[in-house]
PDB file of N, CA and C in Angstrom:
ATOM      1  N   GLN A   1     -15.839  44.049 -33.379  1.00  0.00           N
ATOM      2  CA  GLN A   1     -17.248  43.845 -33.681  1.00  0.00           C
ATOM      3  C   GLN A   1     -18.105  44.814 -32.885  1.00  0.00           C
ATOM      4  N   VAL A   2     -19.132  45.307 -33.524  1.00  0.00           N
ATOM      5  CA  VAL A   2     -20.108  46.175 -32.874  1.00  0.00           C
ATOM      6  C   VAL A   2     -21.494  45.596 -33.156  1.00  0.00           C
ATOM      7  N   GLN A   3     -22.246  45.364 -32.110  1.00  0.00           N
ATOM      8  CA  GLN A   3     -23.624  44.913 -32.275  1.00  0.00           C
ATOM      9  C   GLN A   3     -24.556  46.066 -31.944  1.00  0.00           C
ATOM     10  N   LEU A   4     -25.563  46.251 -32.768  1.00  0.00           N
ATOM     11  CA  LEU A   4     -26.448  47.408 -32.663  1.00  0.00           C
ATOM     12  C   LEU A   4     -27.889  46.954 -32.500  1.00  0.00           C
ATOM     13  N   VAL A   5     -28.597  47.584 -31.583  1.00  0.00           N
ATOM     14  CA  VAL A   5     -29.998  47.258 -31.345  1.00  0.00           C
ATOM     15  C   VAL A   5     -30.799  48.556 -31.291  1.00  0.00           C
ATOM     16  N   GLU A   6     -31.720  48.703 -32.240  1.00  0.00           N
ATOM     17  CA  GLU A   6     -32.570  49.887 -32.279  1.00  0.00           C
ATOM     18  C   GLU A   6     -33.821  49.700 -31.446  1.00  0.00           C
ATOM     19  N   SER A   7     -34.363  50.802 -30.987  1.00  0.00           N
ATOM     20  CA  SER A   7     -35.630  50.789 -30.261  1.00  0.00           C
ATOM     21  C   SER A   7     -36.290  52.150 -30.402  1.00  0.00           C
ATOM     22  N   GLY A   8     -37.561  52.227 -30.015  1.00  0.00           N
ATOM     23  CA  GLY A   8     -38.264  53.501 -29.999  1.00  0.00           C
ATOM     24  C   GLY A   8     -39.238  53.729 -31.129  1.00  0.00           C
ATOM     25  N   GLY A   9     -39.300  52.803 -32.070  1.00  0.00           N
ATOM     26  CA  GLY A   9     -40.249  52.958 -33.160  1.00  0.00           C
ATOM     27  C   GLY A   9     -41.682  52.774 -32.687  1.00  0.00           C
ATOM     28  N   GLY A  10     -42.613  53.066 -33.585  1.00  0.00           N
ATOM     29  CA  GLY A  10     -44.009  52.895 -33.243  1.00  0.00           C
ATOM     30  C   GLY A  10     -44.927  53.505 -34.270  1.00  0.00           C
ATOM     31  N   LEU A  11     -46.209  53.541 -33.922  1.00  0.00           N
ATOM     32  CA  LEU A  11     -47.237  54.125 -34.778  1.00  0.00           C
ATOM     33  C   LEU A  11     -47.652  55.468 -34.190  1.00  0.00           C
ATOM     34  N   VAL A  12     -47.520  56.520 -34.990  1.00  0.00           N
ATOM     35  CA  VAL A  12     -47.870  57.864 -34.538  1.00  0.00           C
ATOM     36  C   VAL A  12     -48.657  58.573 -35.634  1.00  0.00           C
ATOM     37  N   GLN A  13     -49.305  59.671 -35.251  1.00  0.00           N
ATOM     38  CA  GLN A  13     -50.012  60.488 -36.230  1.00  0.00           C
ATOM     39  C   GLN A  13     -49.082  61.533 -36.823  1.00  0.00           C
ATOM     40  N   ALA A  14     -49.443  61.998 -37.983  1.00  0.00           N
ATOM     41  CA  ALA A  14     -48.670  63.059 -38.628  1.00  0.00           C
ATOM     42  C   ALA A  14     -48.540  64.254 -37.689  1.00  0.00           C
ATOM     43  N   GLY A  15     -47.337  64.817 -37.655  1.00  0.00           N
ATOM     44  CA  GLY A  15     -47.066  65.951 -36.779  1.00  0.00           C
ATOM     45  C   GLY A  15     -46.477  65.579 -35.445  1.00  0.00           C
ATOM     46  N   ALA A  16     -46.510  64.308 -35.116  1.00  0.00           N
ATOM     47  CA  ALA A  16     -45.984  63.843 -33.832  1.00  0.00           C
ATOM     48  C   ALA A  16     -44.464  63.746 -33.865  1.00  0.00           C
ATOM     49  N   SER A  17     -43.913  63.422 -32.699  1.00  0.00           N
ATOM     50  CA  SER A  17     -42.472  63.250 -32.548  1.00  0.00           C
ATOM     51  C   SER A  17     -42.165  61.849 -32.026  1.00  0.00           C
ATOM     52  N   LEU A  18     -40.990  61.377 -32.338  1.00  0.00           N
ATOM     53  CA  LEU A  18     -40.482  60.112 -31.824  1.00  0.00           C
ATOM     54  C   LEU A  18     -38.990  60.240 -31.637  1.00  0.00           C
ATOM     55  N   ARG A  19     -38.461  59.491 -30.674  1.00  0.00           N
ATOM     56  CA  ARG A  19     -37.022  59.400 -30.535  1.00  0.00           C
ATOM     57  C   ARG A  19     -36.599  57.950 -30.636  1.00  0.00           C
ATOM     58  N   LEU A  20     -35.758  57.687 -31.609  1.00  0.00           N
ATOM     59  CA  LEU A  20     -35.184  56.365 -31.765  1.00  0.00           C
ATOM     60  C   LEU A  20     -33.861  56.293 -31.028  1.00  0.00           C
ATOM     61  N   SER A  21     -33.579  55.121 -30.494  1.00  0.00           N
ATOM     62  CA  SER A  21     -32.303  54.872 -29.844  1.00  0.00           C
ATOM     63  C   SER A  21     -31.630  53.683 -30.496  1.00  0.00           C
ATOM     64  N   CYS A  22     -30.325  53.698 -30.448  1.00  0.00           N
ATOM     65  CA  CYS A  22     -29.538  52.584 -30.971  1.00  0.00           C
ATOM     66  C   CYS A  22     -28.445  52.295 -29.951  1.00  0.00           C
ATOM     67  N   ALA A  23     -28.586  51.167 -29.286  1.00  0.00           N
ATOM     68  CA  ALA A  23     -27.614  50.771 -28.265  1.00  0.00           C
ATOM     69  C   ALA A  23     -26.561  49.875 -28.890  1.00  0.00           C
ATOM     70  N   ALA A  24     -25.319  50.190 -28.610  1.00  0.00           N
ATOM     71  CA  ALA A  24     -24.217  49.442 -29.190  1.00  0.00           C
ATOM     72  C   ALA A  24     -23.472  48.665 -28.118  1.00  0.00           C
ATOM     73  N   SER A  25     -23.029  47.490 -28.472  1.00  0.00           N
ATOM     74  CA  SER A  25     -22.176  46.711 -27.585  1.00  0.00           C
ATOM     75  C   SER A  25     -20.750  46.806 -28.097  1.00  0.00           C
ATOM     76  N   GLY A  26     -19.800  46.594 -27.230  1.00  0.00           N
ATOM     77  CA  GLY A  26     -18.416  46.649 -27.655  1.00  0.00           C
ATOM     78  C   GLY A  26     -17.741  47.923 -27.193  1.00  0.00           C
ATOM     79  N   ARG A  27     -16.494  47.814 -26.869  1.00  0.00           N
ATOM     80  CA  ARG A  27     -15.752  48.945 -26.319  1.00  0.00           C
ATOM     81  C   ARG A  27     -15.273  49.909 -27.381  1.00  0.00           C
ATOM     82  N   THR A  28     -15.482  49.562 -28.662  1.00  0.00           N
ATOM     83  CA  THR A  28     -14.958  50.410 -29.725  1.00  0.00           C
ATOM     84  C   THR A  28     -16.008  51.331 -30.317  1.00  0.00           C
ATOM     85  N   PHE A  29     -17.161  51.415 -29.675  1.00  0.00           N
ATOM     86  CA  PHE A  29     -18.251  52.229 -30.223  1.00  0.00           C
ATOM     87  C   PHE A  29     -17.796  53.648 -30.530  1.00  0.00           C
ATOM     88  N   SER A  30     -17.054  54.251 -29.633  1.00  0.00           N
ATOM     89  CA  SER A  30     -16.683  55.651 -29.808  1.00  0.00           C
ATOM     90  C   SER A  30     -15.715  55.870 -30.967  1.00  0.00           C
ATOM     91  N   ARG A  31     -15.183  54.810 -31.549  1.00  0.00           N
ATOM     92  CA  ARG A  31     -14.278  54.953 -32.687  1.00  0.00           C
ATOM     93  C   ARG A  31     -15.033  55.058 -34.009  1.00  0.00           C
ATOM     94  N   TYR A  32     -16.329  54.765 -33.978  1.00  0.00           N
ATOM     95  CA  TYR A  32     -17.092  54.693 -35.208  1.00  0.00           C
ATOM     96  C   TYR A  32     -17.984  55.914 -35.406  1.00  0.00           C
ATOM     97  N   ALA A  33     -18.058  56.341 -36.659  1.00  0.00           N
ATOM     98  CA  ALA A  33     -19.143  57.228 -37.037  1.00  0.00           C
ATOM     99  C   ALA A  33     -20.422  56.400 -37.087  1.00  0.00           C
ATOM    100  N   MET A  34     -21.533  57.068 -36.897  1.00  0.00           N
ATOM    101  CA  MET A  34     -22.812  56.363 -36.889  1.00  0.00           C
ATOM    102  C   MET A  34     -23.777  56.996 -37.876  1.00  0.00           C
ATOM    103  N   GLY A  35     -24.629  56.169 -38.416  1.00  0.00           N
ATOM    104  CA  GLY A  35     -25.629  56.674 -39.341  1.00  0.00           C
ATOM    105  C   GLY A  35     -26.986  56.069 -39.072  1.00  0.00           C
ATOM    106  N   TRP A  36     -27.996  56.799 -39.456  1.00  0.00           N
ATOM    107  CA  TRP A  36     -29.359  56.288 -39.484  1.00  0.00           C
ATOM    108  C   TRP A  36     -29.803  56.220 -40.945  1.00  0.00           C
ATOM    109  N   PHE A  37     -30.382  55.100 -41.294  1.00  0.00           N
ATOM    110  CA  PHE A  37     -30.946  54.882 -42.617  1.00  0.00           C
ATOM    111  C   PHE A  37     -32.398  54.446 -42.447  1.00  0.00           C
ATOM    112  N   ARG A  38     -33.135  54.475 -43.546  1.00  0.00           N
ATOM    113  CA  ARG A  38     -34.499  53.969 -43.508  1.00  0.00           C
ATOM    114  C   ARG A  38     -34.838  53.281 -44.822  1.00  0.00           C
ATOM    115  N   GLN A  39     -35.779  52.368 -44.734  1.00  0.00           N
ATOM    116  CA  GLN A  39     -36.205  51.644 -45.927  1.00  0.00           C
ATOM    117  C   GLN A  39     -37.711  51.457 -45.885  1.00  0.00           C
ATOM    118  N   ALA A  40     -38.365  52.036 -46.870  1.00  0.00           N
ATOM    119  CA  ALA A  40     -39.807  51.883 -47.015  1.00  0.00           C
ATOM    120  C   ALA A  40     -40.090  50.689 -47.919  1.00  0.00           C
ATOM    121  N   PRO A  41     -41.276  50.109 -47.830  1.00  0.00           N
ATOM    122  CA  PRO A  41     -41.602  48.944 -48.670  1.00  0.00           C
ATOM    123  C   PRO A  41     -41.416  49.251 -50.153  1.00  0.00           C
ATOM    124  N   GLY A  42     -40.707  48.374 -50.828  1.00  0.00           N
ATOM    125  CA  GLY A  42     -40.504  48.522 -52.258  1.00  0.00           C
ATOM    126  C   GLY A  42     -39.474  49.554 -52.658  1.00  0.00           C
ATOM    127  N   LYS A  43     -38.792  50.135 -51.674  1.00  0.00           N
ATOM    128  CA  LYS A  43     -37.797  51.162 -51.971  1.00  0.00           C
ATOM    129  C   LYS A  43     -36.429  50.750 -51.455  1.00  0.00           C
ATOM    130  N   GLU A  44     -35.406  51.400 -51.962  1.00  0.00           N
ATOM    131  CA  GLU A  44     -34.061  51.130 -51.504  1.00  0.00           C
ATOM    132  C   GLU A  44     -33.824  51.790 -50.148  1.00  0.00           C
ATOM    133  N   ARG A  45     -32.865  51.241 -49.422  1.00  0.00           N
ATOM    134  CA  ARG A  45     -32.480  51.840 -48.154  1.00  0.00           C
ATOM    135  C   ARG A  45     -31.828  53.190 -48.430  1.00  0.00           C
ATOM    136  N   GLU A  46     -32.236  54.196 -47.665  1.00  0.00           N
ATOM    137  CA  GLU A  46     -31.723  55.538 -47.912  1.00  0.00           C
ATOM    138  C   GLU A  46     -31.153  56.156 -46.642  1.00  0.00           C
ATOM    139  N   PHE A  47     -30.185  57.015 -46.848  1.00  0.00           N
ATOM    140  CA  PHE A  47     -29.529  57.728 -45.758  1.00  0.00           C
ATOM    141  C   PHE A  47     -30.484  58.730 -45.135  1.00  0.00           C
ATOM    142  N   VAL A  48     -30.428  58.827 -43.809  1.00  0.00           N
ATOM    143  CA  VAL A  48     -31.226  59.808 -43.085  1.00  0.00           C
ATOM    144  C   VAL A  48     -30.337  60.832 -42.383  1.00  0.00           C
ATOM    145  N   ALA A  49     -29.390  60.327 -41.592  1.00  0.00           N
ATOM    146  CA  ALA A  49     -28.533  61.232 -40.821  1.00  0.00           C
ATOM    147  C   ALA A  49     -27.254  60.516 -40.432  1.00  0.00           C
ATOM    148  N   GLY A  50     -26.185  61.291 -40.250  1.00  0.00           N
ATOM    149  CA  GLY A  50     -24.918  60.724 -39.831  1.00  0.00           C
ATOM    150  C   GLY A  50     -24.260  61.602 -38.784  1.00  0.00           C
ATOM    151  N   ILE A  51     -23.401  60.994 -37.965  1.00  0.00           N
ATOM    152  CA  ILE A  51     -22.708  61.730 -36.919  1.00  0.00           C
ATOM    153  C   ILE A  51     -21.300  61.175 -36.785  1.00  0.00           C
ATOM    154  N   SER A  52     -20.348  62.067 -36.576  1.00  0.00           N
ATOM    155  CA  SER A  52     -18.959  61.657 -36.433  1.00  0.00           C
ATOM    156  C   SER A  52     -18.741  60.936 -35.114  1.00  0.00           C
ATOM    157  N   TRP A  53     -17.547  60.347 -34.969  1.00  0.00           N
ATOM    158  CA  TRP A  53     -17.281  59.562 -33.766  1.00  0.00           C
ATOM    159  C   TRP A  53     -17.354  60.426 -32.517  1.00  0.00           C
ATOM    160  N   SER A  54     -16.985  61.680 -32.638  1.00  0.00           N
ATOM    161  CA  SER A  54     -16.988  62.579 -31.476  1.00  0.00           C
ATOM    162  C   SER A  54     -18.347  63.226 -31.239  1.00  0.00           C
ATOM    163  N   GLY A  55     -19.188  63.184 -32.255  1.00  0.00           N
ATOM    164  CA  GLY A  55     -20.460  63.893 -32.169  1.00  0.00           C
ATOM    165  C   GLY A  55     -20.376  65.328 -32.630  1.00  0.00           C
ATOM    166  N   GLY A  56     -19.192  65.752 -33.031  1.00  0.00           N
ATOM    167  CA  GLY A  56     -19.010  67.145 -33.386  1.00  0.00           C
ATOM    168  C   GLY A  56     -19.495  67.529 -34.769  1.00  0.00           C
ATOM    169  N   SER A  57     -19.689  66.545 -35.622  1.00  0.00           N
ATOM    170  CA  SER A  57     -20.151  66.811 -36.987  1.00  0.00           C
ATOM    171  C   SER A  57     -21.340  65.926 -37.314  1.00  0.00           C
ATOM    172  N   THR A  58     -22.307  66.531 -37.975  1.00  0.00           N
ATOM    173  CA  THR A  58     -23.501  65.785 -38.377  1.00  0.00           C
ATOM    174  C   THR A  58     -23.856  66.142 -39.818  1.00  0.00           C
ATOM    175  N   ASN A  59     -24.615  65.269 -40.460  1.00  0.00           N
ATOM    176  CA  ASN A  59     -25.146  65.566 -41.779  1.00  0.00           C
ATOM    177  C   ASN A  59     -26.503  64.881 -41.927  1.00  0.00           C
ATOM    178  N   TYR A  60     -27.336  65.457 -42.776  1.00  0.00           N
ATOM    179  CA  TYR A  60     -28.723  65.008 -42.901  1.00  0.00           C
ATOM    180  C   TYR A  60     -29.155  64.941 -44.362  1.00  0.00           C
ATOM    181  N   ALA A  61     -30.081  64.048 -44.617  1.00  0.00           N
ATOM    182  CA  ALA A  61     -30.747  64.050 -45.912  1.00  0.00           C
ATOM    183  C   ALA A  61     -31.616  65.306 -46.011  1.00  0.00           C
ATOM    184  N   ASP A  62     -31.756  65.815 -47.211  1.00  0.00           N
ATOM    185  CA  ASP A  62     -32.554  67.029 -47.402  1.00  0.00           C
ATOM    186  C   ASP A  62     -33.988  66.836 -46.911  1.00  0.00           C
ATOM    187  N   SER A  63     -34.499  65.630 -47.063  1.00  0.00           N
ATOM    188  CA  SER A  63     -35.901  65.361 -46.721  1.00  0.00           C
ATOM    189  C   SER A  63     -36.185  65.460 -45.221  1.00  0.00           C
ATOM    190  N   VAL A  64     -35.139  65.376 -44.389  1.00  0.00           N
ATOM    191  CA  VAL A  64     -35.351  65.410 -42.938  1.00  0.00           C
ATOM    192  C   VAL A  64     -34.647  66.583 -42.280  1.00  0.00           C
ATOM    193  N   ASN A  65     -33.838  67.293 -43.020  1.00  0.00           N
ATOM    194  CA  ASN A  65     -33.071  68.400 -42.454  1.00  0.00           C
ATOM    195  C   ASN A  65     -34.013  69.434 -41.830  1.00  0.00           C
ATOM    196  N   GLY A  66     -33.748  69.761 -40.589  1.00  0.00           N
ATOM    197  CA  GLY A  66     -34.592  70.704 -39.872  1.00  0.00           C
ATOM    198  C   GLY A  66     -35.700  70.043 -39.078  1.00  0.00           C
ATOM    199  N   ARG A  67     -35.957  68.774 -39.329  1.00  0.00           N
ATOM    200  CA  ARG A  67     -36.999  68.040 -38.574  1.00  0.00           C
ATOM    201  C   ARG A  67     -36.395  66.947 -37.682  1.00  0.00           C
ATOM    202  N   PHE A  68     -35.271  66.375 -38.110  1.00  0.00           N
ATOM    203  CA  PHE A  68     -34.634  65.290 -37.370  1.00  0.00           C
ATOM    204  C   PHE A  68     -33.309  65.779 -36.797  1.00  0.00           C
ATOM    205  N   THR A  69     -32.939  65.216 -35.647  1.00  0.00           N
ATOM    206  CA  THR A  69     -31.651  65.528 -35.033  1.00  0.00           C
ATOM    207  C   THR A  69     -30.980  64.236 -34.589  1.00  0.00           C
ATOM    208  N   ILE A  70     -29.741  64.049 -35.019  1.00  0.00           N
ATOM    209  CA  ILE A  70     -28.958  62.890 -34.594  1.00  0.00           C
ATOM    210  C   ILE A  70     -28.007  63.328 -33.490  1.00  0.00           C
ATOM    211  N   SER A  71     -27.833  62.473 -32.507  1.00  0.00           N
ATOM    212  CA  SER A  71     -26.897  62.760 -31.423  1.00  0.00           C
ATOM    213  C   SER A  71     -26.360  61.436 -30.899  1.00  0.00           C
ATOM    214  N   ARG A  72     -25.328  61.518 -30.073  1.00  0.00           N
ATOM    215  CA  ARG A  72     -24.767  60.303 -29.502  1.00  0.00           C
ATOM    216  C   ARG A  72     -24.256  60.576 -28.097  1.00  0.00           C
ATOM    217  N   ASP A  73     -24.227  59.526 -27.310  1.00  0.00           N
ATOM    218  CA  ASP A  73     -23.665  59.567 -25.965  1.00  0.00           C
ATOM    219  C   ASP A  73     -22.676  58.420 -25.889  1.00  0.00           C
ATOM    220  N   ASN A  74     -21.406  58.717 -26.047  1.00  0.00           N
ATOM    221  CA  ASN A  74     -20.400  57.655 -26.078  1.00  0.00           C
ATOM    222  C   ASN A  74     -20.248  56.974 -24.722  1.00  0.00           C
ATOM    223  N   ALA A  75     -20.570  57.667 -23.663  1.00  0.00           N
ATOM    224  CA  ALA A  75     -20.503  57.052 -22.334  1.00  0.00           C
ATOM    225  C   ALA A  75     -21.563  55.971 -22.170  1.00  0.00           C
ATOM    226  N   LYS A  76     -22.656  56.120 -22.910  1.00  0.00           N
ATOM    227  CA  LYS A  76     -23.751  55.152 -22.850  1.00  0.00           C
ATOM    228  C   LYS A  76     -23.781  54.233 -24.070  1.00  0.00           C
ATOM    229  N   ASN A  77     -22.814  54.401 -24.964  1.00  0.00           N
ATOM    230  CA  ASN A  77     -22.767  53.587 -26.194  1.00  0.00           C
ATOM    231  C   ASN A  77     -24.094  53.651 -26.949  1.00  0.00           C
ATOM    232  N   THR A  78     -24.633  54.837 -27.072  1.00  0.00           N
ATOM    233  CA  THR A  78     -25.954  54.979 -27.680  1.00  0.00           C
ATOM    234  C   THR A  78     -25.969  56.156 -28.652  1.00  0.00           C
ATOM    235  N   VAL A  79     -26.663  55.955 -29.753  1.00  0.00           N
ATOM    236  CA  VAL A  79     -26.914  57.030 -30.702  1.00  0.00           C
ATOM    237  C   VAL A  79     -28.423  57.202 -30.807  1.00  0.00           C
ATOM    238  N   TYR A  80     -28.833  58.446 -30.995  1.00  0.00           N
ATOM    239  CA  TYR A  80     -30.261  58.774 -31.002  1.00  0.00           C
ATOM    240  C   TYR A  80     -30.657  59.438 -32.315  1.00  0.00           C
ATOM    241  N   LEU A  81     -31.921  59.313 -32.642  1.00  0.00           N
ATOM    242  CA  LEU A  81     -32.502  60.079 -33.737  1.00  0.00           C
ATOM    243  C   LEU A  81     -33.802  60.667 -33.231  1.00  0.00           C
ATOM    244  N   GLN A  82     -33.778  61.959 -32.971  1.00  0.00           N
ATOM    245  CA  GLN A  82     -34.977  62.672 -32.547  1.00  0.00           C
ATOM    246  C   GLN A  82     -35.707  63.132 -33.791  1.00  0.00           C
ATOM    247  N   MET A  83     -36.968  62.749 -33.909  1.00  0.00           N
ATOM    248  CA  MET A  83     -37.750  63.061 -35.089  1.00  0.00           C
ATOM    249  C   MET A  83     -38.942  63.921 -34.698  1.00  0.00           C
ATOM    250  N   TYR A  84     -39.059  65.070 -35.342  1.00  0.00           N
ATOM    251  CA  TYR A  84     -40.170  65.987 -35.115  1.00  0.00           C
ATOM    252  C   TYR A  84     -40.997  66.124 -36.394  1.00  0.00           C
ATOM    253  N   SER A  85     -42.207  66.605 -36.224  1.00  0.00           N
ATOM    254  CA  SER A  85     -43.084  66.906 -37.375  1.00  0.00           C
ATOM    255  C   SER A  85     -43.121  65.754 -38.375  1.00  0.00           C
ATOM    256  N   LEU A  86     -43.366  64.589 -37.862  1.00  0.00           N
ATOM    257  CA  LEU A  86     -43.348  63.401 -38.718  1.00  0.00           C
ATOM    258  C   LEU A  86     -44.455  63.461 -39.764  1.00  0.00           C
ATOM    259  N   LYS A  87     -44.116  62.910 -40.919  1.00  0.00           N
ATOM    260  CA  LYS A  87     -45.026  62.886 -42.058  1.00  0.00           C
ATOM    261  C   LYS A  87     -45.271  61.435 -42.470  1.00  0.00           C
ATOM    262  N   PRO A  88     -46.372  61.165 -43.165  1.00  0.00           N
ATOM    263  CA  PRO A  88     -46.589  59.796 -43.649  1.00  0.00           C
ATOM    264  C   PRO A  88     -45.434  59.285 -44.500  1.00  0.00           C
ATOM    265  N   GLY A  89     -44.777  60.175 -45.216  1.00  0.00           N
ATOM    266  CA  GLY A  89     -43.629  59.800 -46.042  1.00  0.00           C
ATOM    267  C   GLY A  89     -42.424  59.351 -45.249  1.00  0.00           C
ATOM    268  N   ASP A  90     -42.435  59.559 -43.933  1.00  0.00           N
ATOM    269  CA  ASP A  90     -41.342  59.089 -43.077  1.00  0.00           C
ATOM    270  C   ASP A  90     -41.529  57.632 -42.665  1.00  0.00           C
ATOM    271  N   THR A  91     -42.658  57.050 -43.018  1.00  0.00           N
ATOM    272  CA  THR A  91     -42.918  55.658 -42.674  1.00  0.00           C
ATOM    273  C   THR A  91     -41.888  54.737 -43.315  1.00  0.00           C
ATOM    274  N   ALA A  92     -41.245  53.939 -42.481  1.00  0.00           N
ATOM    275  CA  ALA A  92     -40.179  53.048 -42.953  1.00  0.00           C
ATOM    276  C   ALA A  92     -39.650  52.239 -41.770  1.00  0.00           C
ATOM    277  N   VAL A  93     -38.817  51.272 -42.085  1.00  0.00           N
ATOM    278  CA  VAL A  93     -38.001  50.628 -41.063  1.00  0.00           C
ATOM    279  C   VAL A  93     -36.717  51.451 -40.960  1.00  0.00           C
ATOM    280  N   TYR A  94     -36.382  51.834 -39.743  1.00  0.00           N
ATOM    281  CA  TYR A  94     -35.202  52.660 -39.498  1.00  0.00           C
ATOM    282  C   TYR A  94     -34.078  51.795 -38.935  1.00  0.00           C
ATOM    283  N   TYR A  95     -32.894  51.959 -39.532  1.00  0.00           N
ATOM    284  CA  TYR A  95     -31.728  51.184 -39.152  1.00  0.00           C
ATOM    285  C   TYR A  95     -30.617  52.119 -38.681  1.00  0.00           C
ATOM    286  N   CYS A  96     -29.885  51.706 -37.666  1.00  0.00           N
ATOM    287  CA  CYS A  96     -28.650  52.409 -37.353  1.00  0.00           C
ATOM    288  C   CYS A  96     -27.480  51.565 -37.856  1.00  0.00           C
ATOM    289  N   ALA A  97     -26.388  52.239 -38.111  1.00  0.00           N
ATOM    290  CA  ALA A  97     -25.228  51.578 -38.679  1.00  0.00           C
ATOM    291  C   ALA A  97     -23.963  52.247 -38.184  1.00  0.00           C
ATOM    292  N   ALA A  98     -22.899  51.478 -38.118  1.00  0.00           N
ATOM    293  CA  ALA A  98     -21.585  51.975 -37.684  1.00  0.00           C
ATOM    294  C   ALA A  98     -20.597  51.862 -38.832  1.00  0.00           C
ATOM    295  N   GLY A  99     -19.830  52.913 -39.024  1.00  0.00           N
ATOM    296  CA  GLY A  99     -18.850  52.912 -40.090  1.00  0.00           C
ATOM    297  C   GLY A  99     -17.681  53.807 -39.775  1.00  0.00           C
ATOM    298  N   ARG A 100     -16.749  53.889 -40.724  1.00  0.00           N
ATOM    299  CA  ARG A 100     -15.549  54.687 -40.503  1.00  0.00           C
ATOM    300  C   ARG A 100     -15.803  56.166 -40.720  1.00  0.00           C
ATOM    301  N   THR A 101     -16.772  56.483 -41.558  1.00  0.00           N
ATOM    302  CA  THR A 101     -17.137  57.880 -41.790  1.00  0.00           C
ATOM    303  C   THR A 101     -18.654  58.005 -41.781  1.00  0.00           C
ATOM    304  N   ARG A 102     -19.160  59.190 -41.642  1.00  0.00           N
ATOM    305  CA  ARG A 102     -20.614  59.425 -41.647  1.00  0.00           C
ATOM    306  C   ARG A 102     -21.109  59.581 -43.088  1.00  0.00           C
ATOM    307  N   SER A 103     -20.846  58.537 -43.842  1.00  0.00           N
ATOM    308  CA  SER A 103     -21.155  58.538 -45.267  1.00  0.00           C
ATOM    309  C   SER A 103     -22.658  58.430 -45.515  1.00  0.00           C
ATOM    310  N   VAL A 104     -23.071  58.854 -46.700  1.00  0.00           N
ATOM    311  CA  VAL A 104     -24.472  58.700 -47.106  1.00  0.00           C
ATOM    312  C   VAL A 104     -24.695  57.367 -47.803  1.00  0.00           C
ATOM    313  N   TYR A 105     -23.629  56.598 -48.000  1.00  0.00           N
ATOM    314  CA  TYR A 105     -23.727  55.361 -48.749  1.00  0.00           C
ATOM    315  C   TYR A 105     -23.827  54.146 -47.851  1.00  0.00           C
ATOM    316  N   VAL A 106     -24.781  53.279 -48.156  1.00  0.00           N
ATOM    317  CA  VAL A 106     -24.979  52.053 -47.394  1.00  0.00           C
ATOM    318  C   VAL A 106     -23.694  51.220 -47.334  1.00  0.00           C
ATOM    319  N   SER A 107     -22.999  51.136 -48.432  1.00  0.00           N
ATOM    320  CA  SER A 107     -21.822  50.272 -48.539  1.00  0.00           C
ATOM    321  C   SER A 107     -20.668  50.712 -47.649  1.00  0.00           C
ATOM    322  N   GLU A 108     -20.708  51.943 -47.146  1.00  0.00           N
ATOM    323  CA  GLU A 108     -19.609  52.459 -46.323  1.00  0.00           C
ATOM    324  C   GLU A 108     -19.738  52.059 -44.857  1.00  0.00           C
ATOM    325  N   TYR A 109     -20.825  51.420 -44.488  1.00  0.00           N
ATOM    326  CA  TYR A 109     -21.055  51.047 -43.100  1.00  0.00           C
ATOM    327  C   TYR A 109     -20.806  49.556 -42.887  1.00  0.00           C
ATOM    328  N   GLU A 110     -20.163  49.239 -41.779  1.00  0.00           N
ATOM    329  CA  GLU A 110     -19.728  47.871 -41.514  1.00  0.00           C
ATOM    330  C   GLU A 110     -20.743  47.065 -40.705  1.00  0.00           C
ATOM    331  N   PHE A 111     -21.409  47.715 -39.778  1.00  0.00           N
ATOM    332  CA  PHE A 111     -22.286  47.006 -38.859  1.00  0.00           C
ATOM    333  C   PHE A 111     -23.676  47.640 -38.889  1.00  0.00           C
ATOM    334  N   TRP A 112     -24.681  46.788 -38.790  1.00  0.00           N
ATOM    335  CA  TRP A 112     -26.073  47.229 -38.883  1.00  0.00           C
ATOM    336  C   TRP A 112     -26.912  46.618 -37.773  1.00  0.00           C
ATOM    337  N   GLY A 113     -27.915  47.375 -37.347  1.00  0.00           N
ATOM    338  CA  GLY A 113     -28.907  46.843 -36.447  1.00  0.00           C
ATOM    339  C   GLY A 113     -30.012  46.137 -37.222  1.00  0.00           C
ATOM    340  N   GLN A 114     -30.976  45.631 -36.487  1.00  0.00           N
ATOM    341  CA  GLN A 114     -32.046  44.852 -37.113  1.00  0.00           C
ATOM    342  C   GLN A 114     -33.208  45.733 -37.575  1.00  0.00           C
ATOM    343  N   GLY A 115     -33.221  46.970 -37.141  1.00  0.00           N
ATOM    344  CA  GLY A 115     -34.244  47.905 -37.589  1.00  0.00           C
ATOM    345  C   GLY A 115     -35.410  48.037 -36.628  1.00  0.00           C
ATOM    346  N   THR A 116     -36.059  49.179 -36.674  1.00  0.00           N
ATOM    347  CA  THR A 116     -37.261  49.426 -35.893  1.00  0.00           C
ATOM    348  C   THR A 116     -38.282  50.124 -36.785  1.00  0.00           C
ATOM    349  N   GLN A 117     -39.523  49.703 -36.709  1.00  0.00           N
ATOM    350  CA  GLN A 117     -40.560  50.212 -37.603  1.00  0.00           C
ATOM    351  C   GLN A 117     -41.108  51.539 -37.090  1.00  0.00           C
ATOM    352  N   VAL A 118     -41.191  52.497 -37.994  1.00  0.00           N
ATOM    353  CA  VAL A 118     -41.857  53.769 -37.720  1.00  0.00           C
ATOM    354  C   VAL A 118     -43.002  53.908 -38.729  1.00  0.00           C
ATOM    355  N   THR A 119     -44.194  54.085 -38.226  1.00  0.00           N
ATOM    356  CA  THR A 119     -45.359  54.250 -39.078  1.00  0.00           C
ATOM    357  C   THR A 119     -46.062  55.549 -38.713  1.00  0.00           C
ATOM    358  N   VAL A 120     -46.238  56.408 -39.704  1.00  0.00           N
ATOM    359  CA  VAL A 120     -46.870  57.701 -39.480  1.00  0.00           C
ATOM    360  C   VAL A 120     -48.197  57.725 -40.240  1.00  0.00           C
ATOM    361  N   SER A 121     -49.275  57.867 -39.516  1.00  0.00           N
ATOM    362  CA  SER A 121     -50.593  57.892 -40.145  1.00  0.00           C
ATOM    363  C   SER A 121     -51.013  59.329 -40.419  1.00  0.00           C
ATOM    364  N   SER A 122     -51.829  59.486 -41.452  1.00  0.00           N
ATOM    365  CA  SER A 122     -52.274  60.841 -41.840  1.00  0.00           C
ATOM    366  C   SER A 122     -53.551  61.231 -41.121  1.00  0.00           C
TER     367      SER A 122
END
């Protein structure tokens, strides 16, 4: 079992930066790939970024590529999402998830956090 707790969300203006953190419990954290997803009101949950168990491979949604960076610190059982140049369209609840691969599909992830709200004003 892996329990995930996100933090770092908030209300910011367009163009600002935020760093989200996802703290994991359990000794098996380093065995899992991790992903960040987001869900805006009335929309489906969508993939944002993924990272392999080692941190050596990452992938991003086209909408955030070049603006967001995913990273992890296995010694701290934490995965991060650094977000730059935020836009109003980035407003959503952001979730971290643990899975066997850094898939873009929600169904491929086994464990989920409760989410953290990110609101970007224009």
